[in-house]
Amino acid sequence: MSEEAQTKDKFWVYVGGTVFALLVTIAMVKQSETEKFAPIKQQLEEETAQMNIRVLN
């Protein structure tokens, strides 16, 4: 009976490890995308700032 209880414990450890690995992978991909598009976002913000110049007569 103790062998059966140990098997169940290992099963949940494997499930937890797999879920943790998937979450870490998703977080790394998300961070990579954020870093990749940062220069584009900065350029868009600069263009918006340049377009918001008021012209006074």
C-alpha atoms as a PDB file:
ATOM      1  CA  MET A   1       0.000   0.000   0.000  1.00  0.00           C
ATOM      2  CA  SER A   2       2.871   2.401   0.661  1.00  0.00           C
ATOM      3  CA  GLU A   3       4.115   1.846  -2.914  1.00  0.00           C
ATOM      4  CA  GLU A   4       0.747   2.965  -4.279  1.00  0.00           C
ATOM      5  CA  ALA A   5       0.806   6.135  -2.187  1.00  0.00           C
ATOM      6  CA  GLN A   6       4.330   6.941  -3.376  1.00  0.00           C
ATOM      7  CA  THR A   7       3.283   6.522  -7.021  1.00  0.00           C
ATOM      8  CA  LYS A   8       0.452   9.015  -6.585  1.00  0.00           C
ATOM      9  CA  ASP A   9       2.808  11.498  -4.922  1.00  0.00           C
ATOM     10  CA  LYS A  10       5.261  11.272  -7.841  1.00  0.00           C
ATOM     11  CA  PHE A  11       2.425  11.688 -10.344  1.00  0.00           C
ATOM     12  CA  TRP A  12       1.434  15.034  -8.834  1.00  0.00           C
ATOM     13  CA  VAL A  13       5.069  16.122  -8.675  1.00  0.00           C
ATOM     14  CA  TYR A  14       5.375  15.396 -12.409  1.00  0.00           C
ATOM     15  CA  VAL A  15       2.141  17.259 -13.145  1.00  0.00           C
ATOM     16  CA  GLY A  16       3.279  20.224 -11.059  1.00  0.00           C
ATOM     17  CA  GLY A  17       6.702  20.247 -12.716  1.00  0.00           C
ATOM     18  CA  THR A  18       5.163  20.151 -16.174  1.00  0.00           C
ATOM     19  CA  VAL A  19       2.767  22.995 -15.391  1.00  0.00           C
ATOM     20  CA  PHE A  20       5.606  25.052 -13.907  1.00  0.00           C
ATOM     21  CA  ALA A  21       7.793  24.427 -16.975  1.00  0.00           C
ATOM     22  CA  LEU A  22       4.965  25.523 -19.286  1.00  0.00           C
ATOM     23  CA  LEU A  23       4.376  28.703 -17.290  1.00  0.00           C
ATOM     24  CA  VAL A  24       8.082  29.568 -17.346  1.00  0.00           C
ATOM     25  CA  THR A  25       8.221  28.954 -21.106  1.00  0.00           C
ATOM     26  CA  ILE A  26       5.200  31.174 -21.735  1.00  0.00           C
ATOM     27  CA  ALA A  27       6.684  33.935 -19.566  1.00  0.00           C
ATOM     28  CA  MET A  28      10.008  33.764 -21.433  1.00  0.00           C
ATOM     29  CA  VAL A  29       8.294  33.976 -24.833  1.00  0.00           C
ATOM     30  CA  LYS A  30       6.178  36.904 -23.669  1.00  0.00           C
ATOM     31  CA  GLN A  31       9.266  38.746 -22.372  1.00  0.00           C
ATOM     32  CA  SER A  32      11.074  38.087 -25.649  1.00  0.00           C
ATOM     33  CA  GLU A  33       8.198  39.565 -27.643  1.00  0.00           C
ATOM     34  CA  THR A  34       8.114  42.633 -25.402  1.00  0.00           C
ATOM     35  CA  GLU A  35      11.845  43.227 -25.898  1.00  0.00           C
ATOM     36  CA  LYS A  36      11.587  42.631 -29.648  1.00  0.00           C
ATOM     37  CA  PHE A  37       8.844  45.234 -30.171  1.00  0.00           C
ATOM     38  CA  ALA A  38      10.195  47.846 -27.722  1.00  0.00           C
ATOM     39  CA  PRO A  39      12.024  49.901 -30.417  1.00  0.00           C
ATOM     40  CA  ILE A  40       8.890  49.970 -32.575  1.00  0.00           C
ATOM     41  CA  LYS A  41       6.792  51.151 -29.630  1.00  0.00           C
ATOM     42  CA  GLN A  42       9.340  53.869 -28.841  1.00  0.00           C
ATOM     43  CA  GLN A  43       9.317  55.027 -32.462  1.00  0.00           C
ATOM     44  CA  LEU A  44       5.517  55.218 -32.492  1.00  0.00           C
ATOM     45  CA  GLU A  45       5.544  57.250 -29.277  1.00  0.00           C
ATOM     46  CA  GLU A  46       8.096  59.669 -30.767  1.00  0.00           C
ATOM     47  CA  GLU A  47       6.010  60.088 -33.928  1.00  0.00           C
ATOM     48  CA  THR A  48       2.911  60.750 -31.849  1.00  0.00           C
ATOM     49  CA  ALA A  49       4.787  63.353 -29.823  1.00  0.00           C
ATOM     50  CA  GLN A  50       5.963  65.059 -33.007  1.00  0.00           C
ATOM     51  CA  MET A  51       2.436  65.116 -34.446  1.00  0.00           C
ATOM     52  CA  ASN A  52       1.040  66.774 -31.305  1.00  0.00           C
ATOM     53  CA  ILE A  53       2.829  70.078 -31.906  1.00  0.00           C
ATOM     54  CA  ARG A  54       0.432  73.003 -31.776  1.00  0.00           C
ATOM     55  CA  VAL A  55       0.693  75.660 -34.444  1.00  0.00           C
ATOM     56  CA  LEU A  56       0.042  79.180 -33.183  1.00  0.00           C
ATOM     57  CA  ASN A  57      -0.883  82.005 -35.578  1.00  0.00           C
END
